Amino acid sequence: MTPRFRTAIRPSQQKIAEFYRRSHILRLALFGSVLRDDFSPTSEVDVLVEFEPGHTPGYFGMSGLAQELSPFFGGRRIDLRTPAGLSRYFRHEVLAEAEIQYAACRRGLRPRPQGS
């Protein structure tokens, strides 16, 4: 991801941490054009998310979570996916390229340090 867009869509860690806890999110990663040079001001943000066991929402729940995430990413459209929801034809590639942004730890959700 180019630095210009990385800065433009980086959500406030403090504000988004509460959303992650409330939504039972264990891990969140970005994939797709948001990580490439072809990411533009009109691009959607592809987000890969893993939930705590027993807390994976259904279709409408995922749609609601995507709408709630949008303001954290500059109001962009969010394409929210789980690993199981990815096509088997490209799941491996997405998992290999995904850049983890947040991961839960023992005492709650903590952002991953930059550059790790």
Protein backbone atom coordinates (compact mmCIF):
# COMPACT_ATOMS: atom_id res chain seq x y z
CA MET A 1 0.00 0.00 0.00
CA THR A 2 1.38 3.42 -0.81
CA PRO A 3 2.09 5.66 2.19
CA ARG A 4 -0.43 8.27 1.01
CA PHE A 5 -3.35 5.81 1.14
CA ARG A 6 -2.00 3.95 4.16
CA THR A 7 -2.27 7.19 6.15
CA ALA A 8 -5.59 8.16 4.61
CA ILE A 9 -7.39 4.99 5.65
CA ARG A 10 -5.64 4.08 8.91
CA PRO A 11 -8.42 4.09 11.52
CA SER A 12 -7.98 5.47 15.02
CA GLN A 13 -6.70 2.54 17.07
CA GLN A 14 -8.44 3.66 20.24
CA LYS A 15 -11.85 4.12 18.61
CA ILE A 16 -11.76 0.96 16.56
CA ALA A 17 -10.55 -1.25 19.45
CA GLU A 18 -13.94 -0.95 21.16
CA PHE A 19 -15.68 -1.91 17.91
CA TYR A 20 -13.46 -5.00 17.62
CA ARG A 21 -14.15 -6.08 21.22
CA ARG A 22 -17.88 -5.52 20.87
CA SER A 23 -17.93 -7.44 17.56
CA HIS A 24 -15.85 -10.37 18.91
CA ILE A 25 -13.18 -9.88 16.25
CA LEU A 26 -10.01 -11.86 16.80
CA ARG A 27 -8.07 -10.77 13.75
CA LEU A 28 -8.48 -8.24 10.98
CA ALA A 29 -6.35 -8.02 7.84
CA LEU A 30 -6.41 -6.00 4.64
CA PHE A 31 -6.05 -7.58 1.21
CA GLY A 32 -6.55 -6.72 -2.44
CA SER A 33 -6.02 -3.33 -4.05
CA VAL A 34 -5.59 -1.54 -0.71
CA LEU A 35 -2.14 -3.19 -0.60
CA ARG A 36 -1.20 -2.32 -4.18
CA ASP A 37 -0.34 0.75 -6.20
CA ASP A 38 -3.69 0.58 -8.04
CA PHE A 39 -5.58 1.56 -4.86
CA SER A 40 -7.40 4.81 -5.61
CA PRO A 41 -9.62 7.30 -3.79
CA THR A 42 -12.67 5.42 -5.11
CA SER A 43 -11.45 1.91 -4.25
CA GLU A 44 -13.28 -0.20 -1.73
CA VAL A 45 -11.34 -1.70 1.18
CA ASP A 46 -11.10 -5.50 1.21
CA VAL A 47 -11.08 -6.72 4.80
CA LEU A 48 -10.47 -10.26 6.03
CA VAL A 49 -11.80 -10.87 9.51
CA GLU A 50 -11.81 -13.78 11.97
CA PHE A 51 -14.22 -13.93 14.89
CA GLU A 52 -14.18 -15.54 18.31
CA PRO A 53 -15.58 -19.09 18.19
CA GLY A 54 -19.37 -19.04 18.17
CA HIS A 55 -19.57 -15.34 17.23
CA THR A 56 -19.32 -15.38 13.43
CA PRO A 57 -22.29 -13.33 12.18
CA GLY A 58 -24.50 -14.33 9.28
CA TYR A 59 -24.95 -12.45 6.01
CA PHE A 60 -26.93 -9.54 7.44
CA GLY A 61 -24.64 -9.28 10.47
CA MET A 62 -21.59 -9.12 8.21
CA SER A 63 -23.28 -6.41 6.12
CA GLY A 64 -23.98 -4.40 9.26
CA LEU A 65 -20.40 -4.78 10.47
CA ALA A 66 -19.10 -3.62 7.08
CA GLN A 67 -21.27 -0.50 7.34
CA GLU A 68 -20.01 0.14 10.88
CA LEU A 69 -16.38 -0.24 9.71
CA SER A 70 -16.76 2.18 6.80
CA PRO A 71 -16.32 5.41 8.83
CA PHE A 72 -13.07 4.05 10.28
CA PHE A 73 -11.73 3.79 6.72
CA GLY A 74 -12.66 7.23 5.44
CA GLY A 75 -16.24 6.30 4.52
CA ARG A 76 -15.08 3.84 1.88
CA ARG A 77 -17.16 0.80 0.97
CA ILE A 78 -15.94 -2.23 2.92
CA ASP A 79 -15.90 -5.71 1.40
CA LEU A 80 -15.84 -7.82 4.58
CA ARG A 81 -14.90 -11.49 4.26
CA THR A 82 -13.99 -14.40 6.50
CA PRO A 83 -11.43 -17.00 5.38
CA ALA A 84 -14.22 -19.56 5.03
CA GLY A 85 -16.21 -17.12 2.90
CA LEU A 86 -13.47 -16.78 0.29
CA SER A 87 -13.65 -18.79 -2.90
CA ARG A 88 -11.54 -21.92 -2.81
CA TYR A 89 -10.12 -20.79 -6.15
CA PHE A 90 -8.31 -17.80 -4.66
CA ARG A 91 -8.44 -18.32 -0.87
CA HIS A 92 -4.78 -19.34 -0.68
CA GLU A 93 -3.62 -16.20 -2.52
CA VAL A 94 -5.71 -13.90 -0.32
CA LEU A 95 -4.45 -15.52 2.87
CA ALA A 96 -0.86 -15.28 1.64
CA GLU A 97 -1.09 -11.57 0.74
CA ALA A 98 -3.29 -10.38 3.64
CA GLU A 99 -1.64 -7.81 5.89
CA ILE A 100 -2.78 -8.20 9.51
CA GLN A 101 -3.77 -4.92 11.07
CA TYR A 102 -5.12 -6.09 14.43
CA ALA A 103 -4.99 -9.27 16.42
CA ALA A 104 -6.51 -10.14 19.77
CA CYS A 105 -4.21 -10.91 22.66
CA ARG A 106 -4.75 -12.21 26.19
CA ARG A 107 -5.91 -8.93 27.69
CA GLY A 108 -8.05 -7.86 24.78
CA LEU A 109 -7.54 -6.52 21.33
CA ARG A 110 -4.24 -4.79 20.71
CA PRO A 111 -3.04 -3.26 17.47
CA ARG A 112 -0.06 -4.93 15.88
CA PRO A 113 3.03 -2.72 16.04
CA GLN A 114 3.72 -0.87 12.80
CA GLY A 115 6.24 -2.62 10.57
CA SER A 116 5.66 -6.11 11.97
